[in-house]
Amino acid sequence: MIAYGVHDTESATLAAELVEWACKREGVSPDKLVLHADNGGPMKGSTMLATLQRLGVVASFSRPSVSDDNPFAEAIFRTLKYRPGYPKKPFADIAAAMAWVDGFVRWYNEEHLHSGIRFVRPVDRHEGRDGAILAARHVVYANARTRTPRRWTGTTRNWTPIGTVRLNPEKRDACSGH
């Protein structure tokens, strides 16, 4: 997770500040960025839209057949809600909420082996270490298969690094195979 915030109110201004801060911190050329957001007020507010336009960020508010969600955000919310230690009661105050979310983000980025990127940590993917990690795993699996061939009935797990992760990957043409 690159950027997040915990506030006691929803605000287009806060959302705009978060996007601008994240672009600067990560050195992202905003004109190369697509922000996938839900259709909520803060994300569609005039302050947020003006900031996106000023930065050159393309806004994306829906995907085919789904008008009100962001599947990446929904996936992380699900991970958050099913994580051991998810609070059963409301937070005592904003500081308690911030502390819990900070801990979750630290775990998610630095410990969690993400299935969508071949079980590497998001921080390793973000910092470009995933290729070396996956290559080393491939060697371990190949050596294990050589030592105990009867254990393996087919190929080993695919440890090829995942390329670009897309919200709406292009569909392959069923007739031509591409």
N, C-alpha and C. Protein backbone atom coordinates (compact mmCIF):
# COMPACT_ATOMS: atom_id res chain seq x y z
N MET A 1 0.85 -1.14 0.00
CA MET A 1 0.00 0.00 0.00
C MET A 1 0.91 1.22 0.00
N ILE A 2 0.73 2.08 -0.95
CA ILE A 2 1.61 3.22 -1.15
C ILE A 2 1.24 4.39 -0.25
N ALA A 3 -0.05 4.67 -0.14
CA ALA A 3 -0.48 5.82 0.65
C ALA A 3 -1.85 5.53 1.25
N TYR A 4 -2.05 6.04 2.43
CA TYR A 4 -3.33 5.87 3.12
C TYR A 4 -3.45 6.97 4.15
N GLY A 5 -4.64 7.14 4.64
CA GLY A 5 -4.86 8.12 5.69
C GLY A 5 -6.01 7.68 6.57
N VAL A 6 -5.99 8.12 7.80
CA VAL A 6 -7.09 7.87 8.73
C VAL A 6 -7.53 9.24 9.24
N HIS A 7 -8.76 9.56 9.02
CA HIS A 7 -9.31 10.86 9.42
C HIS A 7 -10.67 10.65 10.05
N ASP A 8 -11.15 11.66 10.73
CA ASP A 8 -12.46 11.54 11.37
C ASP A 8 -13.60 12.03 10.48
N THR A 9 -13.26 12.36 9.23
CA THR A 9 -14.28 12.80 8.29
C THR A 9 -13.83 12.45 6.87
N GLU A 10 -14.80 12.28 5.96
CA GLU A 10 -14.47 12.09 4.55
C GLU A 10 -14.39 13.47 3.92
N SER A 11 -13.41 13.66 3.06
CA SER A 11 -13.20 14.98 2.49
C SER A 11 -12.47 14.89 1.16
N ALA A 12 -13.00 15.60 0.18
CA ALA A 12 -12.33 15.67 -1.12
C ALA A 12 -10.97 16.34 -0.97
N THR A 13 -10.87 17.29 -0.07
CA THR A 13 -9.60 17.98 0.15
C THR A 13 -8.56 17.02 0.70
N LEU A 14 -8.93 16.22 1.70
CA LEU A 14 -7.99 15.24 2.26
C LEU A 14 -7.58 14.21 1.22
N ALA A 15 -8.54 13.76 0.41
CA ALA A 15 -8.22 12.79 -0.64
C ALA A 15 -7.26 13.39 -1.65
N ALA A 16 -7.48 14.63 -2.03
CA ALA A 16 -6.60 15.30 -2.99
C ALA A 16 -5.20 15.47 -2.41
N GLU A 17 -5.11 15.85 -1.14
CA GLU A 17 -3.80 16.00 -0.50
C GLU A 17 -3.05 14.67 -0.46
N LEU A 18 -3.76 13.58 -0.19
CA LEU A 18 -3.13 12.26 -0.14
C LEU A 18 -2.56 11.87 -1.50
N VAL A 19 -3.32 12.08 -2.56
CA VAL A 19 -2.85 11.73 -3.90
C VAL A 19 -1.64 12.58 -4.27
N GLU A 20 -1.71 13.85 -4.00
CA GLU A 20 -0.58 14.74 -4.33
C GLU A 20 0.67 14.34 -3.54
N TRP A 21 0.52 14.08 -2.25
CA TRP A 21 1.65 13.67 -1.40
C TRP A 21 2.25 12.36 -1.90
N ALA A 22 1.39 11.38 -2.24
CA ALA A 22 1.88 10.08 -2.70
C ALA A 22 2.65 10.22 -4.01
N CYS A 23 2.16 11.03 -4.92
CA CYS A 23 2.88 11.24 -6.20
C CYS A 23 4.26 11.83 -5.95
N LYS A 24 4.33 12.83 -5.07
CA LYS A 24 5.62 13.45 -4.78
C LYS A 24 6.56 12.46 -4.09
N ARG A 25 6.06 11.77 -3.06
CA ARG A 25 6.91 10.86 -2.29
C ARG A 25 7.44 9.72 -3.15
N GLU A 26 6.62 9.19 -4.03
CA GLU A 26 7.01 8.05 -4.84
C GLU A 26 7.70 8.45 -6.14
N GLY A 27 7.77 9.75 -6.41
CA GLY A 27 8.39 10.21 -7.65
C GLY A 27 7.61 9.78 -8.87
N VAL A 28 6.30 9.71 -8.72
CA VAL A 28 5.43 9.28 -9.82
C VAL A 28 5.10 10.48 -10.68
N SER A 29 5.30 10.32 -11.95
CA SER A 29 4.87 11.34 -12.88
C SER A 29 3.35 11.23 -12.96
N PRO A 30 2.63 12.18 -12.40
CA PRO A 30 1.18 12.04 -12.33
C PRO A 30 0.50 11.80 -13.67
N ASP A 31 1.08 12.32 -14.76
CA ASP A 31 0.45 12.12 -16.06
C ASP A 31 0.54 10.66 -16.52
N LYS A 32 1.24 9.82 -15.77
CA LYS A 32 1.33 8.38 -16.07
C LYS A 32 0.45 7.57 -15.12
N LEU A 33 -0.30 8.27 -14.27
CA LEU A 33 -1.05 7.62 -13.20
C LEU A 33 -2.54 7.58 -13.52
N VAL A 34 -3.15 6.43 -13.24
CA VAL A 34 -4.60 6.29 -13.28
C VAL A 34 -5.04 5.99 -11.86
N LEU A 35 -5.93 6.80 -11.33
CA LEU A 35 -6.43 6.60 -9.97
C LEU A 35 -7.78 5.91 -10.06
N HIS A 36 -7.83 4.67 -9.60
CA HIS A 36 -9.08 3.91 -9.57
C HIS A 36 -9.76 4.19 -8.24
N ALA A 37 -10.91 4.81 -8.29
CA ALA A 37 -11.61 5.19 -7.08
C ALA A 37 -13.06 4.73 -7.14
N ASP A 38 -13.69 4.71 -5.97
CA ASP A 38 -15.11 4.40 -5.95
C ASP A 38 -15.88 5.65 -6.38
N ASN A 39 -17.17 5.56 -6.38
CA ASN A 39 -17.99 6.68 -6.82
C ASN A 39 -18.46 7.55 -5.67
N GLY A 40 -17.76 7.48 -4.53
CA GLY A 40 -18.14 8.27 -3.37
C GLY A 40 -17.84 9.75 -3.55
N GLY A 41 -18.51 10.54 -2.73
CA GLY A 41 -18.39 11.99 -2.79
C GLY A 41 -16.96 12.51 -2.70
N PRO A 42 -16.16 12.05 -1.73
CA PRO A 42 -14.80 12.60 -1.63
C PRO A 42 -13.97 12.37 -2.89
N MET A 43 -14.16 11.23 -3.53
CA MET A 43 -13.34 10.93 -4.71
C MET A 43 -13.86 11.65 -5.95
N LYS A 44 -15.13 12.05 -5.94
CA LYS A 44 -15.70 12.76 -7.09
C LYS A 44 -15.91 14.24 -6.81
N GLY A 45 -15.47 14.68 -5.63
CA GLY A 45 -15.63 16.08 -5.25
C GLY A 45 -14.80 17.00 -6.13
N SER A 46 -15.25 18.25 -6.20
CA SER A 46 -14.58 19.21 -7.10
C SER A 46 -13.12 19.45 -6.72
N THR A 47 -12.80 19.45 -5.43
CA THR A 47 -11.40 19.65 -5.02
C THR A 47 -10.53 18.51 -5.52
N MET A 48 -11.01 17.29 -5.33
CA MET A 48 -10.26 16.11 -5.77
C MET A 48 -10.12 16.11 -7.29
N LEU A 49 -11.21 16.34 -8.00
CA LEU A 49 -11.15 16.32 -9.46
C LEU A 49 -10.24 17.43 -10.00
N ALA A 50 -10.28 18.60 -9.37
CA ALA A 50 -9.40 19.69 -9.80
C ALA A 50 -7.94 19.34 -9.55
N THR A 51 -7.66 18.71 -8.42
CA THR A 51 -6.28 18.30 -8.12
C THR A 51 -5.82 17.26 -9.13
N LEU A 52 -6.65 16.28 -9.41
CA LEU A 52 -6.28 15.25 -10.40
C LEU A 52 -6.02 15.89 -11.76
N GLN A 53 -6.89 16.79 -12.16
CA GLN A 53 -6.70 17.46 -13.46
C GLN A 53 -5.41 18.27 -13.47
N ARG A 54 -5.15 19.02 -12.40
CA ARG A 54 -3.93 19.83 -12.32
C ARG A 54 -2.68 18.95 -12.39
N LEU A 55 -2.74 17.77 -11.75
CA LEU A 55 -1.59 16.86 -11.76
C LEU A 55 -1.49 16.05 -13.05
N GLY A 56 -2.57 16.00 -13.82
CA GLY A 56 -2.57 15.18 -15.03
C GLY A 56 -2.91 13.73 -14.75
N VAL A 57 -3.48 13.44 -13.58
CA VAL A 57 -3.86 12.08 -13.22
C VAL A 57 -5.19 11.75 -13.87
N VAL A 58 -5.28 10.58 -14.49
CA VAL A 58 -6.52 10.12 -15.09
C VAL A 58 -7.37 9.48 -13.99
N ALA A 59 -8.61 9.90 -13.89
CA ALA A 59 -9.52 9.33 -12.90
C ALA A 59 -10.33 8.20 -13.54
N SER A 60 -10.49 7.11 -12.81
CA SER A 60 -11.28 5.96 -13.26
C SER A 60 -12.24 5.63 -12.13
N PHE A 61 -13.52 5.68 -12.41
CA PHE A 61 -14.50 5.51 -11.34
C PHE A 61 -15.30 4.22 -11.41
N SER A 62 -15.09 3.40 -12.39
CA SER A 62 -15.85 2.16 -12.42
C SER A 62 -15.18 1.17 -13.34
N ARG A 63 -15.68 -0.02 -13.34
CA ARG A 63 -15.22 -1.06 -14.26
C ARG A 63 -16.45 -1.68 -14.88
N PRO A 64 -16.31 -2.47 -15.93
CA PRO A 64 -17.49 -3.02 -16.61
C PRO A 64 -18.42 -3.75 -15.65
N SER A 65 -19.69 -3.40 -15.73
CA SER A 65 -20.77 -4.03 -14.96
C SER A 65 -20.73 -3.73 -13.47
N VAL A 66 -19.80 -2.94 -13.01
CA VAL A 66 -19.71 -2.61 -11.59
C VAL A 66 -19.49 -1.11 -11.49
N SER A 67 -20.49 -0.40 -11.02
CA SER A 67 -20.40 1.05 -11.04
C SER A 67 -19.95 1.67 -9.72
N ASP A 68 -19.84 0.87 -8.66
CA ASP A 68 -19.64 1.52 -7.37
C ASP A 68 -18.52 0.94 -6.52
N ASP A 69 -17.54 0.31 -7.13
CA ASP A 69 -16.45 -0.18 -6.30
C ASP A 69 -15.11 -0.05 -7.00
N ASN A 70 -14.09 -0.23 -6.23
CA ASN A 70 -12.72 -0.28 -6.71
C ASN A 70 -12.22 -1.65 -6.26
N PRO A 71 -12.04 -2.59 -7.17
CA PRO A 71 -11.70 -3.95 -6.75
C PRO A 71 -10.39 -4.04 -5.96
N PHE A 72 -9.42 -3.18 -6.24
CA PHE A 72 -8.18 -3.21 -5.45
C PHE A 72 -8.47 -2.79 -4.01
N ALA A 73 -9.23 -1.70 -3.86
CA ALA A 73 -9.57 -1.24 -2.50
C ALA A 73 -10.45 -2.27 -1.80
N GLU A 74 -11.41 -2.84 -2.51
CA GLU A 74 -12.29 -3.84 -1.89
C GLU A 74 -11.47 -5.05 -1.44
N ALA A 75 -10.48 -5.45 -2.22
CA ALA A 75 -9.65 -6.60 -1.85
C ALA A 75 -8.85 -6.31 -0.58
N ILE A 76 -8.31 -5.10 -0.48
CA ILE A 76 -7.53 -4.81 0.73
C ILE A 76 -8.44 -4.66 1.94
N PHE A 77 -9.66 -4.14 1.73
CA PHE A 77 -10.61 -4.06 2.85
C PHE A 77 -10.95 -5.46 3.34
N ARG A 78 -11.12 -6.41 2.41
CA ARG A 78 -11.41 -7.78 2.82
C ARG A 78 -10.24 -8.37 3.60
N THR A 79 -9.02 -8.16 3.11
CA THR A 79 -7.83 -8.63 3.83
C THR A 79 -7.79 -8.02 5.22
N LEU A 80 -8.06 -6.74 5.31
CA LEU A 80 -8.06 -6.03 6.59
C LEU A 80 -9.09 -6.62 7.55
N LYS A 81 -10.31 -6.83 7.05
CA LYS A 81 -11.40 -7.30 7.93
C LYS A 81 -11.21 -8.73 8.40
N TYR A 82 -10.52 -9.56 7.61
CA TYR A 82 -10.34 -10.96 7.99
C TYR A 82 -8.98 -11.23 8.63
N ARG A 83 -8.20 -10.20 8.84
CA ARG A 83 -6.89 -10.32 9.48
C ARG A 83 -7.09 -10.60 10.96
N PRO A 84 -6.35 -11.57 11.52
CA PRO A 84 -6.45 -11.78 12.97
C PRO A 84 -6.17 -10.47 13.71
N GLY A 85 -6.93 -10.21 14.72
CA GLY A 85 -6.75 -8.99 15.48
C GLY A 85 -7.62 -7.84 15.01
N TYR A 86 -8.44 -8.09 13.97
CA TYR A 86 -9.35 -7.03 13.53
C TYR A 86 -10.27 -6.67 14.70
N PRO A 87 -10.40 -5.40 15.01
CA PRO A 87 -11.17 -5.00 16.19
C PRO A 87 -12.63 -5.44 16.14
N LYS A 88 -13.11 -5.92 17.25
CA LYS A 88 -14.52 -6.33 17.35
C LYS A 88 -15.40 -5.16 17.77
N LYS A 89 -14.78 -4.12 18.34
CA LYS A 89 -15.51 -2.94 18.81
C LYS A 89 -14.93 -1.70 18.13
N PRO A 90 -15.69 -0.62 18.13
CA PRO A 90 -15.16 0.63 17.56
C PRO A 90 -13.89 1.07 18.28
N PHE A 91 -13.06 1.82 17.58
CA PHE A 91 -11.85 2.35 18.17
C PHE A 91 -12.21 3.39 19.23
N ALA A 92 -11.39 3.49 20.25
CA ALA A 92 -11.64 4.45 21.33
C ALA A 92 -11.55 5.88 20.83
N ASP A 93 -10.63 6.11 19.90
CA ASP A 93 -10.45 7.46 19.37
C ASP A 93 -9.67 7.36 18.06
N ILE A 94 -9.46 8.50 17.43
CA ILE A 94 -8.77 8.53 16.13
C ILE A 94 -7.34 8.04 16.26
N ALA A 95 -6.68 8.31 17.38
CA ALA A 95 -5.30 7.85 17.57
C ALA A 95 -5.24 6.33 17.60
N ALA A 96 -6.22 5.69 18.23
CA ALA A 96 -6.26 4.23 18.28
C ALA A 96 -6.51 3.66 16.87
N ALA A 97 -7.37 4.31 16.11
CA ALA A 97 -7.63 3.87 14.73
C ALA A 97 -6.37 4.00 13.88
N MET A 98 -5.68 5.13 14.01
CA MET A 98 -4.44 5.34 13.26
C MET A 98 -3.39 4.29 13.62
N ALA A 99 -3.25 4.01 14.90
CA ALA A 99 -2.25 3.02 15.34
C ALA A 99 -2.57 1.65 14.76
N TRP A 100 -3.84 1.26 14.78
CA TRP A 100 -4.21 -0.06 14.26
C TRP A 100 -3.95 -0.12 12.76
N VAL A 101 -4.37 0.92 12.03
CA VAL A 101 -4.17 0.93 10.58
C VAL A 101 -2.69 0.96 10.23
N ASP A 102 -1.89 1.74 10.96
CA ASP A 102 -0.44 1.76 10.73
C ASP A 102 0.15 0.35 10.87
N GLY A 103 -0.27 -0.38 11.90
CA GLY A 103 0.21 -1.75 12.11
C GLY A 103 -0.22 -2.68 10.98
N PHE A 104 -1.47 -2.52 10.54
CA PHE A 104 -1.96 -3.34 9.44
C PHE A 104 -1.16 -3.07 8.16
N VAL A 105 -0.94 -1.81 7.85
CA VAL A 105 -0.21 -1.46 6.62
C VAL A 105 1.22 -1.98 6.69
N ARG A 106 1.83 -1.85 7.85
CA ARG A 106 3.20 -2.37 8.02
C ARG A 106 3.20 -3.89 7.76
N TRP A 107 2.26 -4.63 8.36
CA TRP A 107 2.17 -6.07 8.13
C TRP A 107 1.92 -6.36 6.65
N TYR A 108 0.97 -5.67 6.05
CA TYR A 108 0.59 -5.93 4.66
C TYR A 108 1.78 -5.72 3.73
N ASN A 109 2.49 -4.63 3.90
CA ASN A 109 3.61 -4.32 3.00
C ASN A 109 4.86 -5.13 3.29
N GLU A 110 5.14 -5.40 4.57
CA GLU A 110 6.45 -5.95 4.93
C GLU A 110 6.45 -7.42 5.35
N GLU A 111 5.29 -8.01 5.59
CA GLU A 111 5.25 -9.42 6.00
C GLU A 111 4.36 -10.28 5.11
N HIS A 112 3.27 -9.74 4.67
CA HIS A 112 2.26 -10.48 3.91
C HIS A 112 2.82 -10.99 2.58
N LEU A 113 2.67 -12.28 2.33
CA LEU A 113 3.07 -12.87 1.05
C LEU A 113 1.83 -12.86 0.15
N HIS A 114 1.80 -11.96 -0.79
CA HIS A 114 0.61 -11.68 -1.58
C HIS A 114 0.44 -12.67 -2.72
N SER A 115 -0.69 -13.35 -2.74
CA SER A 115 -0.94 -14.37 -3.76
C SER A 115 -1.01 -13.79 -5.17
N GLY A 116 -1.45 -12.55 -5.31
CA GLY A 116 -1.58 -11.94 -6.63
C GLY A 116 -0.26 -11.59 -7.29
N ILE A 117 0.83 -11.63 -6.52
CA ILE A 117 2.16 -11.31 -7.08
C ILE A 117 3.14 -12.44 -6.75
N ARG A 118 2.63 -13.67 -6.81
CA ARG A 118 3.42 -14.90 -6.64
C ARG A 118 4.04 -15.04 -5.24
N PHE A 119 3.30 -14.61 -4.24
CA PHE A 119 3.69 -14.81 -2.85
C PHE A 119 5.00 -14.11 -2.48
N VAL A 120 5.14 -12.89 -2.97
CA VAL A 120 6.21 -12.03 -2.47
C VAL A 120 5.56 -10.92 -1.66
N ARG A 121 6.36 -10.27 -0.85
CA ARG A 121 5.84 -9.16 -0.06
C ARG A 121 5.64 -7.94 -0.97
N PRO A 122 4.58 -7.18 -0.76
CA PRO A 122 4.38 -5.99 -1.59
C PRO A 122 5.59 -5.05 -1.60
N VAL A 123 6.29 -4.91 -0.48
CA VAL A 123 7.47 -4.04 -0.46
C VAL A 123 8.57 -4.58 -1.39
N ASP A 124 8.70 -5.89 -1.48
CA ASP A 124 9.70 -6.46 -2.39
C ASP A 124 9.32 -6.21 -3.84
N ARG A 125 8.04 -6.31 -4.13
CA ARG A 125 7.57 -6.01 -5.49
C ARG A 125 7.81 -4.53 -5.80
N HIS A 126 7.43 -3.68 -4.87
CA HIS A 126 7.53 -2.24 -5.08
C HIS A 126 8.98 -1.79 -5.27
N GLU A 127 9.89 -2.42 -4.56
CA GLU A 127 11.30 -2.03 -4.64
C GLU A 127 12.10 -2.85 -5.64
N GLY A 128 11.41 -3.69 -6.42
CA GLY A 128 12.06 -4.43 -7.51
C GLY A 128 12.86 -5.65 -7.09
N ARG A 129 12.62 -6.17 -5.90
CA ARG A 129 13.35 -7.35 -5.44
C ARG A 129 12.62 -8.65 -5.77
N ASP A 130 11.41 -8.56 -6.28
CA ASP A 130 10.62 -9.76 -6.51
C ASP A 130 11.25 -10.71 -7.53
N GLY A 131 11.89 -10.19 -8.56
CA GLY A 131 12.52 -11.05 -9.57
C GLY A 131 13.57 -11.96 -8.98
N ALA A 132 14.44 -11.42 -8.15
CA ALA A 132 15.51 -12.22 -7.53
C ALA A 132 14.92 -13.24 -6.54
N ILE A 133 13.91 -12.83 -5.80
CA ILE A 133 13.27 -13.75 -4.85
C ILE A 133 12.62 -14.91 -5.59
N LEU A 134 11.91 -14.61 -6.66
CA LEU A 134 11.23 -15.66 -7.42
C LEU A 134 12.24 -16.56 -8.15
N ALA A 135 13.32 -16.00 -8.63
CA ALA A 135 14.36 -16.82 -9.28
C ALA A 135 14.96 -17.79 -8.27
N ALA A 136 15.21 -17.31 -7.05
CA ALA A 136 15.76 -18.20 -6.01
C ALA A 136 14.76 -19.30 -5.65
N ARG A 137 13.50 -18.97 -5.61
CA ARG A 137 12.48 -20.00 -5.34
C ARG A 137 12.45 -21.04 -6.45
N HIS A 138 12.59 -20.57 -7.67
CA HIS A 138 12.59 -21.51 -8.80
C HIS A 138 13.74 -22.51 -8.65
N VAL A 139 14.91 -22.04 -8.26
CA VAL A 139 16.07 -22.92 -8.06
C VAL A 139 15.79 -23.94 -6.97
N VAL A 140 15.21 -23.49 -5.87
CA VAL A 140 14.88 -24.41 -4.76
C VAL A 140 13.93 -25.49 -5.25
N TYR A 141 12.90 -25.11 -5.96
CA TYR A 141 11.92 -26.08 -6.46
C TYR A 141 12.56 -27.04 -7.48
N ALA A 142 13.37 -26.50 -8.38
CA ALA A 142 14.03 -27.35 -9.38
C ALA A 142 14.95 -28.36 -8.70
N ASN A 143 15.70 -27.92 -7.71
CA ASN A 143 16.58 -28.84 -6.97
C ASN A 143 15.78 -29.90 -6.22
N ALA A 144 14.69 -29.50 -5.62
CA ALA A 144 13.85 -30.47 -4.90
C ALA A 144 13.27 -31.49 -5.87
N ARG A 145 12.88 -31.04 -7.05
CA ARG A 145 12.32 -31.96 -8.03
C ARG A 145 13.39 -32.94 -8.51
N THR A 146 14.63 -32.47 -8.66
CA THR A 146 15.72 -33.34 -9.08
C THR A 146 16.02 -34.39 -8.00
N ARG A 147 16.02 -33.96 -6.73
CA ARG A 147 16.31 -34.88 -5.62
C ARG A 147 15.20 -35.91 -5.39
N THR A 148 13.95 -35.49 -5.57
CA THR A 148 12.82 -36.39 -5.29
C THR A 148 11.81 -36.34 -6.44
N PRO A 149 12.18 -36.91 -7.58
CA PRO A 149 11.31 -36.78 -8.76
C PRO A 149 9.93 -37.43 -8.59
N ARG A 150 9.81 -38.46 -7.76
CA ARG A 150 8.51 -39.13 -7.60
C ARG A 150 7.49 -38.23 -6.88
N ARG A 151 7.99 -37.28 -6.16
CA ARG A 151 7.10 -36.36 -5.45
C ARG A 151 6.35 -35.45 -6.41
N TRP A 152 6.90 -35.25 -7.59
CA TRP A 152 6.36 -34.28 -8.54
C TRP A 152 5.61 -35.00 -9.66
N THR A 153 4.38 -34.63 -9.89
CA THR A 153 3.61 -35.24 -10.97
C THR A 153 3.56 -34.36 -12.21
N GLY A 154 3.89 -33.13 -12.07
CA GLY A 154 3.88 -32.21 -13.21
C GLY A 154 4.97 -31.18 -13.03
N THR A 155 4.75 -30.03 -13.61
CA THR A 155 5.73 -28.96 -13.48
C THR A 155 5.67 -28.37 -12.07
N THR A 156 6.70 -27.68 -11.71
CA THR A 156 6.71 -27.00 -10.41
C THR A 156 5.89 -25.72 -10.50
N ARG A 157 5.71 -25.10 -9.40
CA ARG A 157 4.96 -23.84 -9.35
C ARG A 157 5.63 -22.82 -10.26
N ASN A 158 4.83 -21.97 -10.86
CA ASN A 158 5.33 -20.93 -11.74
C ASN A 158 5.88 -19.78 -10.87
N TRP A 159 7.17 -19.56 -10.92
CA TRP A 159 7.80 -18.49 -10.17
C TRP A 159 8.24 -17.34 -11.07
N THR A 160 7.65 -17.23 -12.25
CA THR A 160 7.94 -16.11 -13.15
C THR A 160 7.33 -14.85 -12.56
N PRO A 161 8.08 -13.77 -12.50
CA PRO A 161 7.51 -12.54 -11.94
C PRO A 161 6.25 -12.10 -12.69
N ILE A 162 5.32 -11.58 -11.95
CA ILE A 162 4.09 -11.04 -12.53
C ILE A 162 4.44 -9.71 -13.17
N GLY A 163 3.93 -9.49 -14.36
CA GLY A 163 4.17 -8.21 -15.03
C GLY A 163 3.24 -7.15 -14.46
N THR A 164 2.69 -6.37 -15.31
CA THR A 164 1.78 -5.31 -14.90
C THR A 164 0.50 -5.92 -14.36
N VAL A 165 0.06 -5.42 -13.23
CA VAL A 165 -1.22 -5.85 -12.66
C VAL A 165 -2.25 -4.84 -13.12
N ARG A 166 -3.31 -5.34 -13.75
CA ARG A 166 -4.30 -4.44 -14.34
C ARG A 166 -5.66 -4.61 -13.68
N LEU A 167 -6.39 -3.52 -13.62
CA LEU A 167 -7.73 -3.54 -13.10
C LEU A 167 -8.66 -4.27 -14.06
N ASN A 168 -8.55 -3.96 -15.35
CA ASN A 168 -9.38 -4.58 -16.37
C ASN A 168 -8.48 -5.15 -17.46
N PRO A 169 -7.89 -6.33 -17.21
CA PRO A 169 -7.01 -6.88 -18.24
C PRO A 169 -7.76 -7.10 -19.54
N GLU A 170 -7.04 -6.92 -20.62
CA GLU A 170 -7.66 -7.12 -21.93
C GLU A 170 -8.06 -8.58 -22.06
N LYS A 171 -9.25 -8.80 -22.60
CA LYS A 171 -9.74 -10.16 -22.80
C LYS A 171 -9.13 -10.71 -24.08
N ARG A 172 -8.73 -11.98 -24.02
CA ARG A 172 -8.20 -12.63 -25.22
C ARG A 172 -9.35 -13.04 -26.11
N ASP A 173 -9.15 -12.92 -27.41
CA ASP A 173 -10.17 -13.35 -28.35
C ASP A 173 -10.26 -14.86 -28.32
N ALA A 174 -11.43 -15.40 -28.01
CA ALA A 174 -11.62 -16.85 -27.82
C ALA A 174 -11.37 -17.62 -29.11
N CYS A 175 -11.66 -17.03 -30.26
CA CYS A 175 -11.49 -17.75 -31.52
C CYS A 175 -10.03 -17.82 -31.96
N SER A 176 -9.29 -16.73 -31.81
CA SER A 176 -7.94 -16.70 -32.34
C SER A 176 -6.88 -17.04 -31.29
N GLY A 177 -7.28 -17.11 -30.02
CA GLY A 177 -6.31 -17.43 -29.00
C GLY A 177 -5.52 -16.23 -28.51
N HIS A 178 -5.86 -15.03 -28.98
CA HIS A 178 -5.21 -13.83 -28.42
C HIS A 178 -6.13 -12.66 -28.36
